[in-house]
Protein backbone atom coordinates (compact mmCIF):
# COMPACT_ATOMS: atom_id res chain seq x y z
CA MET A 1 45.04 19.11 38.59
CA ASN A 2 42.96 21.21 36.29
CA SER A 3 41.89 19.60 33.12
CA PHE A 4 40.83 21.94 29.72
CA ASP A 5 39.27 21.15 26.53
CA THR A 6 42.40 23.55 24.88
CA ILE A 7 44.96 25.37 26.23
CA PHE A 8 46.76 28.06 24.05
CA ARG A 9 50.00 28.17 25.30
CA ARG A 10 52.77 30.73 25.70
CA GLY A 11 51.08 33.33 23.33
CA THR A 12 51.60 37.01 23.68
CA VAL A 13 47.93 37.88 24.99
CA VAL A 14 46.22 41.44 24.43
CA ASN A 15 43.92 42.13 26.89
CA HIS A 16 42.80 44.36 29.92
CA HIS A 17 46.40 43.49 31.57
CA GLY A 18 48.18 44.87 28.66
CA VAL A 19 50.42 42.77 26.41
CA HIS A 20 52.16 39.82 28.45
CA GLU A 21 52.61 36.22 27.98
CA THR A 22 50.37 33.78 29.41
CA ASP A 23 48.35 30.62 28.86
CA ILE A 24 44.67 30.24 28.05
CA GLY A 25 42.53 27.40 29.34
CA VAL A 26 38.90 27.05 27.60
CA ASP A 27 36.32 24.49 28.54
CA ASN A 28 33.01 24.25 26.49
CA GLY A 29 33.62 27.22 24.34
CA HIS A 30 34.37 29.47 27.17
CA ILE A 31 37.57 31.22 28.90
CA THR A 32 37.95 29.57 32.10
CA ALA A 33 41.41 30.16 33.27
CA LEU A 34 44.45 32.65 32.22
CA GLY A 35 47.92 32.18 33.64
CA ASN A 36 50.56 29.79 33.80
CA LEU A 37 48.85 26.43 32.95
CA SER A 38 51.93 24.29 32.16
CA ARG A 39 50.96 21.77 34.84
CA ALA A 40 47.43 21.53 33.76
CA ALA A 41 46.00 18.61 31.49
CA SER A 42 44.21 19.41 28.36
CA LYS A 43 42.77 17.33 25.53
CA THR A 44 44.27 19.79 22.89
CA VAL A 45 47.27 22.22 23.38
CA VAL A 46 48.16 25.02 20.89
CA ASP A 47 51.53 26.27 20.80
CA CYS A 48 51.22 30.10 20.36
CA LYS A 49 55.02 30.98 21.12
CA GLY A 50 55.95 33.84 18.98
CA LEU A 51 52.11 34.90 18.06
CA HIS A 52 50.11 37.53 19.56
CA ILE A 53 46.61 36.49 20.71
CA LEU A 54 43.91 39.16 20.45
CA PRO A 55 40.30 39.15 21.36
CA GLY A 56 38.19 38.18 18.73
CA VAL A 57 38.01 40.72 16.04
CA ILE A 58 34.35 42.14 15.50
CA ASP A 59 33.57 43.73 12.23
CA THR A 60 30.38 45.70 13.03
CA GLN A 61 29.57 46.79 9.30
CA VAL A 62 29.33 44.31 6.83
CA HIS A 63 27.01 43.41 3.85
CA PHE A 64 27.04 39.90 2.80
CA ARG A 65 23.88 40.44 0.30
CA GLU A 66 21.89 37.49 1.34
CA PRO A 67 18.91 37.44 0.28
CA GLY A 68 18.59 38.60 -3.03
CA LEU A 69 21.79 39.84 -4.05
CA THR A 70 23.71 36.55 -3.69
CA HIS A 71 25.48 36.97 -7.21
CA LYS A 72 27.71 39.31 -5.32
CA GLU A 73 27.94 37.63 -1.77
CA ASP A 74 26.14 35.25 0.47
CA LEU A 75 26.46 34.53 4.28
CA GLU A 76 28.70 31.53 3.66
CA THR A 77 31.25 33.15 1.42
CA GLY A 78 31.25 36.40 3.24
CA SER A 79 31.78 34.62 6.57
CA ARG A 80 34.39 32.69 4.90
CA GLY A 81 36.43 35.74 4.05
CA ALA A 82 35.77 37.04 7.66
CA VAL A 83 37.39 34.15 9.23
CA MET A 84 40.12 33.80 6.62
CA GLY A 85 41.06 37.37 7.70
CA GLY A 86 40.73 36.40 11.41
CA VAL A 87 37.68 37.95 12.04
CA THR A 88 35.43 35.80 14.48
CA GLY A 89 32.19 37.96 14.37
CA VAL A 90 30.06 40.35 12.19
CA PHE A 91 27.12 42.79 12.25
CA GLU A 92 25.42 42.35 8.77
CA MET A 93 23.36 44.87 7.34
CA PRO A 94 19.65 45.19 6.08
CA ASN A 95 19.69 46.54 2.69
CA THR A 96 19.00 43.10 1.17
CA ASN A 97 16.32 42.17 -1.31
CA PRO A 98 13.71 41.82 0.50
CA LEU A 99 14.92 44.47 2.90
CA THR A 100 15.45 43.26 6.60
CA THR A 101 12.64 45.21 7.96
CA THR A 102 10.09 42.74 9.03
CA ARG A 103 10.17 39.88 11.68
CA GLU A 104 9.88 37.37 8.67
CA ALA A 105 12.72 38.62 6.99
CA PHE A 106 14.85 38.91 10.16
CA ASP A 107 13.92 35.34 11.28
CA ALA A 108 14.73 34.13 7.84
CA LYS A 109 18.28 35.57 8.03
CA ILE A 110 19.12 34.12 11.22
CA ALA A 111 17.87 30.90 10.21
CA ALA A 112 20.06 31.23 7.21
CA GLY A 113 23.18 32.19 9.02
CA THR A 114 23.02 29.76 12.07
CA ASN A 115 25.36 26.64 11.42
CA ARG A 116 25.91 27.69 7.79
CA MET A 117 28.20 30.96 8.68
CA HIS A 118 31.49 30.46 9.70
CA CYS A 119 31.84 32.97 12.40
CA ASP A 120 29.18 34.60 14.82
CA PHE A 121 26.92 37.44 13.61
CA ALA A 122 24.20 39.86 14.48
CA PHE A 123 21.51 41.23 11.79
CA TYR A 124 20.77 44.95 11.94
CA VAL A 125 16.90 45.70 11.22
CA GLY A 126 16.41 48.48 8.71
CA GLY A 127 14.53 51.61 10.11
CA THR A 128 11.79 53.12 7.44
CA HIS A 129 9.13 55.27 7.45
CA ALA A 130 6.74 52.36 7.49
CA ASN A 131 7.96 49.95 10.09
CA VAL A 132 8.43 52.51 13.02
CA SER A 133 5.90 51.15 15.05
CA GLU A 134 7.29 47.72 14.88
CA LEU A 135 11.07 48.79 15.56
CA PRO A 136 10.62 48.67 19.58
CA PHE A 137 10.13 44.88 18.96
CA LEU A 138 12.28 44.29 16.33
CA GLU A 139 15.32 45.80 17.63
CA LYS A 140 15.32 43.52 20.63
CA LEU A 141 15.02 40.38 18.72
CA PRO A 142 17.60 37.53 19.42
CA GLY A 143 20.60 38.01 17.56
CA CYS A 144 19.75 42.05 16.58
CA ALA A 145 22.52 44.49 16.47
CA GLY A 146 19.81 47.30 16.53
CA VAL A 147 18.35 49.77 14.10
CA LYS A 148 20.35 50.97 10.81
CA VAL A 149 19.12 53.95 8.78
CA PHE A 150 20.33 55.32 5.51
CA MET A 151 19.91 59.20 5.48
CA GLY A 152 21.65 59.33 2.26
CA SER A 153 20.97 56.70 -0.66
CA SER A 154 23.59 53.73 -1.23
CA THR A 155 23.14 50.44 -2.40
CA GLY A 156 19.44 49.20 -2.15
CA ALA A 157 16.02 50.99 -1.59
CA LEU A 158 16.55 51.82 2.32
CA LEU A 159 16.46 55.62 2.67
CA VAL A 160 14.96 57.83 5.43
CA GLN A 161 16.09 61.30 4.26
CA ASP A 162 13.72 63.63 6.24
CA ASP A 163 14.30 64.79 9.84
CA ASP A 164 10.64 64.14 10.78
CA GLY A 165 11.14 60.27 9.83
CA VAL A 166 14.31 59.87 11.67
CA GLU A 167 13.12 61.41 14.71
CA ALA A 168 10.07 59.29 14.66
CA ILE A 169 12.47 56.29 14.42
CA LEU A 170 14.99 57.80 17.33
CA ARG A 171 11.76 58.25 19.70
CA ALA A 172 10.48 54.45 18.94
CA ILE A 173 13.50 52.86 19.72
CA THR A 174 15.76 52.40 22.93
CA ARG A 175 18.87 51.00 21.74
CA ARG A 176 21.93 53.02 19.81
CA ALA A 177 21.02 53.23 16.12
CA ALA A 178 23.41 53.22 13.38
CA PHE A 179 23.29 55.92 10.72
CA HIS A 180 24.50 56.31 7.14
CA SER A 181 24.94 59.89 7.16
CA GLU A 182 25.15 61.60 3.69
CA ASP A 183 22.50 64.48 3.15
CA GLU A 184 20.13 63.20 0.43
CA TYR A 185 18.68 66.51 -0.49
CA MET A 186 22.22 67.75 -1.17
CA LEU A 187 23.14 64.70 -2.98
CA GLU A 188 19.97 65.18 -5.47
CA GLU A 189 20.87 68.86 -5.93
CA ARG A 190 24.50 68.08 -6.93
CA LYS A 191 24.12 65.22 -9.41
CA ASP A 192 25.21 67.14 -12.20
CA LEU A 193 28.89 67.54 -10.58
CA ARG A 194 29.16 63.88 -11.36
CA VAL A 195 31.69 63.64 -14.45
CA PRO A 196 30.87 60.82 -16.79
CA SER A 197 33.72 58.19 -16.96
CA ASP A 198 35.52 60.12 -14.17
CA PRO A 199 35.40 58.49 -10.70
CA SER A 200 37.37 61.07 -9.20
CA SER A 201 34.39 63.18 -9.27
CA HIS A 202 32.66 61.13 -6.65
CA PRO A 203 33.87 62.88 -3.68
CA VAL A 204 33.13 66.32 -5.22
CA TRP A 205 29.52 65.09 -5.85
CA ARG A 206 29.41 63.75 -2.25
CA SER A 207 31.56 66.56 -0.84
CA PRO A 208 32.62 67.11 2.87
CA GLU A 209 29.61 69.22 3.09
CA VAL A 210 26.95 66.78 2.51
CA ALA A 211 28.25 64.11 5.08
CA LEU A 212 28.86 67.12 7.53
CA ASN A 213 25.33 68.76 7.23
CA CYS A 214 23.65 65.45 7.47
CA THR A 215 25.61 64.64 10.58
CA LYS A 216 25.00 67.74 12.14
CA ARG A 217 21.31 67.19 11.72
CA LEU A 218 21.55 63.64 13.02
CA VAL A 219 23.34 64.92 15.94
CA ALA A 220 20.58 67.41 16.72
CA LEU A 221 17.81 65.15 16.75
CA ALA A 222 19.70 62.52 19.01
CA HIS A 223 19.91 65.61 21.55
CA LYS A 224 16.29 66.45 20.87
CA THR A 225 15.05 62.85 21.45
CA GLY A 226 17.73 61.88 24.18
CA LYS A 227 19.00 59.01 22.15
CA ARG A 228 22.31 57.28 21.33
CA ILE A 229 23.33 57.31 17.62
CA HIS A 230 26.41 55.56 15.86
CA VAL A 231 27.94 57.48 13.05
CA LEU A 232 28.97 54.95 10.55
CA HIS A 233 32.14 55.15 8.18
CA ILE A 234 33.41 58.90 8.89
CA SER A 235 35.22 60.13 6.07
CA THR A 236 35.92 64.04 6.60
CA GLY A 237 38.23 65.76 9.18
CA GLU A 238 35.10 68.30 9.69
CA GLU A 239 32.84 65.37 11.25
CA ILE A 240 35.51 64.04 13.34
CA ALA A 241 36.01 67.60 14.96
CA PHE A 242 32.19 68.04 15.24
CA LEU A 243 31.76 65.03 16.91
CA ALA A 244 34.62 65.63 19.25
CA ASP A 245 32.05 67.88 21.00
CA HIS A 246 28.87 65.41 20.95
CA LYS A 247 30.58 62.15 22.30
CA ASP A 248 27.32 62.29 24.56
CA VAL A 249 25.22 61.02 22.27
CA ALA A 250 27.36 59.91 19.26
CA SER A 251 29.80 57.05 18.70
CA VAL A 252 31.81 56.88 15.73
CA GLU A 253 33.18 54.44 13.46
CA VAL A 254 36.09 54.54 10.90
CA THR A 255 37.00 52.14 8.08
CA PRO A 256 40.42 50.84 6.94
CA HIS A 257 39.62 52.44 3.43
CA HIS A 258 39.48 55.72 4.65
CA LEU A 259 42.68 55.58 6.89
CA THR A 260 44.51 53.58 4.03
CA LEU A 261 43.45 54.70 0.83
CA ASP A 262 43.17 58.63 -0.48
CA ASP A 263 42.04 60.19 -3.61
CA THR A 264 45.22 59.16 -5.50
CA ALA A 265 43.68 55.81 -5.68
CA TYR A 266 41.11 56.93 -8.14
CA ALA A 267 43.97 57.23 -10.85
CA ARG A 268 45.08 53.81 -9.82
CA LEU A 269 42.13 51.68 -9.27
CA GLY A 270 39.32 53.82 -11.11
CA THR A 271 35.84 52.83 -9.92
CA TYR A 272 37.31 50.33 -7.71
CA ALA A 273 38.07 52.70 -5.58
CA GLN A 274 34.58 54.28 -5.42
CA MET A 275 32.76 53.95 -1.96
CA ASN A 276 29.87 55.93 -0.38
CA PRO A 277 31.02 58.01 1.34
CA PRO A 278 33.96 58.63 -0.79
CA VAL A 279 37.64 58.00 -0.37
CA ARG A 280 38.73 61.65 0.20
CA ASP A 281 42.25 63.62 -0.12
CA GLU A 282 45.05 63.04 2.41
CA SER A 283 43.99 66.02 4.61
CA HIS A 284 40.91 64.20 5.48
CA GLN A 285 42.61 60.97 6.37
CA ASP A 286 45.10 62.77 8.27
CA GLN A 287 42.27 64.05 10.34
CA ILE A 288 40.70 60.65 10.80
CA TRP A 289 43.87 59.12 12.01
CA ALA A 290 44.00 62.23 14.39
CA GLY A 291 40.63 60.94 15.64
CA VAL A 292 41.97 57.38 16.23
CA ALA A 293 44.70 59.07 18.13
CA ASN A 294 42.89 61.32 20.32
CA GLY A 295 39.98 58.94 20.87
CA VAL A 296 37.31 60.57 19.09
CA ALA A 297 36.97 57.50 16.69
CA ASP A 298 35.26 54.59 18.85
CA ILE A 299 35.41 51.56 16.44
CA LEU A 300 36.63 50.06 13.36
CA GLY A 301 34.21 48.64 10.79
CA SER A 302 35.01 47.55 7.34
CA ASP A 303 31.94 48.60 5.46
CA HIS A 304 32.46 45.22 3.56
CA ALA A 305 30.30 46.07 0.50
CA PRO A 306 31.10 43.57 -2.43
CA HIS A 307 30.00 43.84 -6.17
CA THR A 308 31.02 42.10 -8.98
CA ARG A 309 33.84 43.18 -11.56
CA GLU A 310 31.10 43.74 -14.34
CA GLU A 311 29.13 46.10 -11.70
CA LYS A 312 32.38 48.00 -10.90
CA GLU A 313 33.47 47.91 -14.36
CA HIS A 314 30.44 50.24 -15.56
CA ALA A 315 31.31 53.66 -16.42
CA TYR A 316 31.18 56.38 -13.72
CA PRO A 317 28.40 57.06 -12.28
CA ASP A 318 26.75 53.82 -13.43
CA SER A 319 29.29 51.92 -11.73
CA HIS A 320 28.51 50.44 -8.04
CA SER A 321 30.04 51.86 -4.97
CA GLY A 322 31.60 49.52 -2.68
CA MET A 323 34.70 47.34 -2.16
CA THR A 324 35.40 44.15 -0.33
CA GLY A 325 36.78 44.99 3.10
CA VAL A 326 36.08 42.09 5.99
CA GLN A 327 39.11 39.64 5.00
CA THR A 328 41.78 42.55 4.76
CA LEU A 329 40.37 44.71 7.82
CA VAL A 330 42.90 42.73 10.01
CA PRO A 331 46.40 42.72 7.87
CA THR A 332 45.61 46.27 6.48
CA MET A 333 45.47 47.34 10.06
CA LEU A 334 47.90 45.21 11.56
CA ASN A 335 50.41 46.85 8.65
CA HIS A 336 49.64 50.38 10.44
CA VAL A 337 50.27 49.04 13.98
CA ASN A 338 53.97 48.03 12.43
CA GLU A 339 54.18 51.23 10.91
CA GLY A 340 53.57 53.07 14.16
CA ARG A 341 50.09 54.69 13.13
CA LEU A 342 48.47 53.04 16.22
CA SER A 343 49.24 50.73 19.01
CA LEU A 344 48.02 47.08 19.16
CA GLU A 345 46.05 47.86 22.48
CA ARG A 346 44.13 50.49 20.34
CA PHE A 347 43.58 48.25 17.55
CA VAL A 348 42.04 45.66 19.89
CA ASP A 349 39.86 48.63 21.60
CA MET A 350 38.24 49.41 18.22
CA THR A 351 37.73 45.73 17.08
CA SER A 352 36.74 43.81 20.49
CA HIS A 353 36.63 46.10 23.42
CA GLY A 354 34.87 48.81 21.50
CA PRO A 355 32.11 47.03 19.89
CA ASN A 356 31.57 45.33 23.54
CA ARG A 357 31.27 48.51 25.20
CA LEU A 358 28.73 50.34 22.52
CA PHE A 359 26.62 47.53 21.63
CA GLY A 360 26.58 45.58 24.95
CA ILE A 361 27.55 42.18 23.28
CA VAL A 362 27.27 39.31 25.88
CA GLY A 363 30.21 37.27 26.50
CA LYS A 364 32.52 38.75 23.47
CA GLY A 365 35.15 41.31 23.05
CA ARG A 366 37.03 40.46 25.73
CA ILE A 367 40.03 37.84 26.91
CA ALA A 368 38.78 37.24 30.43
CA VAL A 369 37.22 34.09 32.22
CA GLY A 370 33.85 33.67 31.56
CA TYR A 371 33.74 35.25 28.03
CA ASP A 372 33.57 33.00 24.90
CA ALA A 373 36.75 31.78 23.56
CA ASP A 374 36.61 34.07 20.69
CA LEU A 375 40.34 34.73 19.53
CA THR A 376 42.24 36.58 16.75
CA ILE A 377 45.92 35.12 16.94
CA VAL A 378 48.12 36.88 14.45
CA ASP A 379 51.91 37.03 13.97
CA MET A 380 53.15 40.60 13.93
CA LYS A 381 56.11 39.79 11.97
CA ARG A 382 54.99 37.80 9.13
CA ARG A 383 55.11 39.45 5.45
CA GLU A 384 52.36 38.88 3.17
CA THR A 385 51.30 40.21 0.10
CA ILE A 386 47.34 40.24 -0.38
CA THR A 387 46.09 39.08 -3.84
CA ASN A 388 42.86 38.68 -5.29
CA ASP A 389 43.25 35.17 -5.23
CA TRP A 390 43.38 34.87 -1.56
CA ILE A 391 40.10 36.69 -1.34
CA ALA A 392 37.10 34.39 -0.44
CA SER A 393 34.43 36.93 -1.39
CA ARG A 394 31.97 35.75 -4.59
CA ALA A 395 33.10 39.23 -5.72
CA GLY A 396 36.75 37.98 -5.95
CA TRP A 397 38.85 41.00 -5.74
CA THR A 398 40.10 43.61 -3.02
CA PRO A 399 41.54 47.30 -3.56
CA TYR A 400 44.74 45.70 -2.06
CA ASP A 401 45.41 43.27 -4.44
CA GLY A 402 49.39 43.27 -4.66
CA VAL A 403 50.04 45.34 -1.47
CA THR A 404 52.68 43.90 0.98
CA VAL A 405 51.49 43.98 4.59
CA THR A 406 53.72 43.13 8.00
CA GLY A 407 51.51 41.46 10.33
CA TRP A 408 48.96 38.71 9.47
CA PRO A 409 46.04 36.63 10.97
CA VAL A 410 47.00 32.87 11.47
CA GLY A 411 44.29 31.65 13.27
CA THR A 412 40.37 32.41 14.01
CA ILE A 413 39.07 30.72 17.02
CA VAL A 414 35.25 30.89 17.56
CA ARG A 415 33.66 29.54 20.95
CA GLY A 416 36.95 27.46 21.30
CA HIS A 417 36.69 25.95 17.91
CA LYS A 418 39.52 26.33 15.55
CA VAL A 419 37.96 27.72 12.61
CA MET A 420 40.92 29.00 10.37
CA TRP A 421 44.57 28.02 10.98
CA ASP A 422 47.42 29.12 8.67
CA GLY A 423 44.99 29.74 5.71
CA GLU A 424 42.88 26.97 5.87
CA LEU A 425 39.52 26.15 7.09
CA VAL A 426 39.52 23.68 9.42
CA THR A 427 36.28 23.39 10.97
CA PRO A 428 32.83 23.26 9.63
CA SER A 429 30.34 26.02 9.83
CA THR A 430 29.43 26.53 13.38
CA GLY A 431 28.08 30.17 13.58
CA GLN A 432 25.91 31.27 15.91
CA PRO A 433 23.57 34.41 16.80
CA MET A 434 25.29 36.88 19.09
CA ARG A 435 23.57 38.08 22.20
CA PHE A 436 22.92 41.60 23.44
CA SER A 437 22.72 42.99 27.19
CA GLU A 438 19.89 45.29 25.88
CA ALA A 439 17.73 42.23 24.34
CA LEU A 440 18.13 39.55 26.76
CA THR A 441 14.25 39.67 27.56
CA ALA A 442 13.20 40.26 24.04
CA GLN A 443 9.73 38.61 23.10
CA THR A 444 10.18 35.10 20.87
């Protein structure tokens, strides 16, 4: 008789076979069997009847602010929000203080996250003019998600705004690089379009043309160098249409806030709706949804970017750009699934299969034998109201406060450990660095 550490029984599994009720057998943190395991022995049985079991959701863009900005967030609080929201793994960004641009800074973050973060993790290295020669080494370090480049300024001091600088970075590296694509030269020229105390002028200043122009420059450089790029947080319909013709080099991320909020949010939320790139009008949102439907959009990332209430409540434009998002990614998108905007299979493709496919994550992103037992267990019928009190982020707020959704995360399983169950943390922090197929022979 087969014996397992844990059997997740009678759940509706969403994986490469489609949507079907089956059991999942887990040993030593790995999936070792799928099928009818009713005759098998197990130390623990988790009854998932009536629940959907998804491959663990991977949020490939979060800012957890450690080191240097921990009054907003740190690796523990950010990852606590992740698992409370059903997220089993995150890619964290390098615009910290000090910047994550050196071996020493990267190693310090790995040490700070290991067995302290509640989910598994990878960290981006920031690409700069100064560290180009080191990037071939840095991008292959264990736990590195790749290189991140800011072509337009946002939170922090990372910025490479010139084509020569971006080209040098692309020529130096071999892995897919991620880009914040807004044209810094145009942002500087357009600063006088910001209206004091009026955050609705934010998308006027950071216009669709600012984003599209930078993305066109970036794609041209990718073709010139023959390298792969990942364009983050697409906010315009024009970029979706343009990138549809350049999928040979470019993968595309979209965010829950660009799919959920539009420019009416400025009247309701004020500076709490302020993001880079901005939330725009409904016509852009509709075209981004079209990109989800037609497959141009590859993955979802939350762009979780917390700031304190004090920082958000400065008068515009001195207010900080960014909002919490890692904890609300799953419920807001499941609500869209229930409203018919996308299928549950497409959600899985964009949050599990897609990250696995684009970044070569070893052993994650699929419910399949041999993979880590990372599972996001959800109740598709559960109706809940998102509140600020539920948010685990040190920032303590969400733009979705008071929003009622249908579809809710009830369990977060990381390498077979039940980390969150029914709104409670039930296992101490066991977070470990992710592994990547393109960095398995890295120097140490």
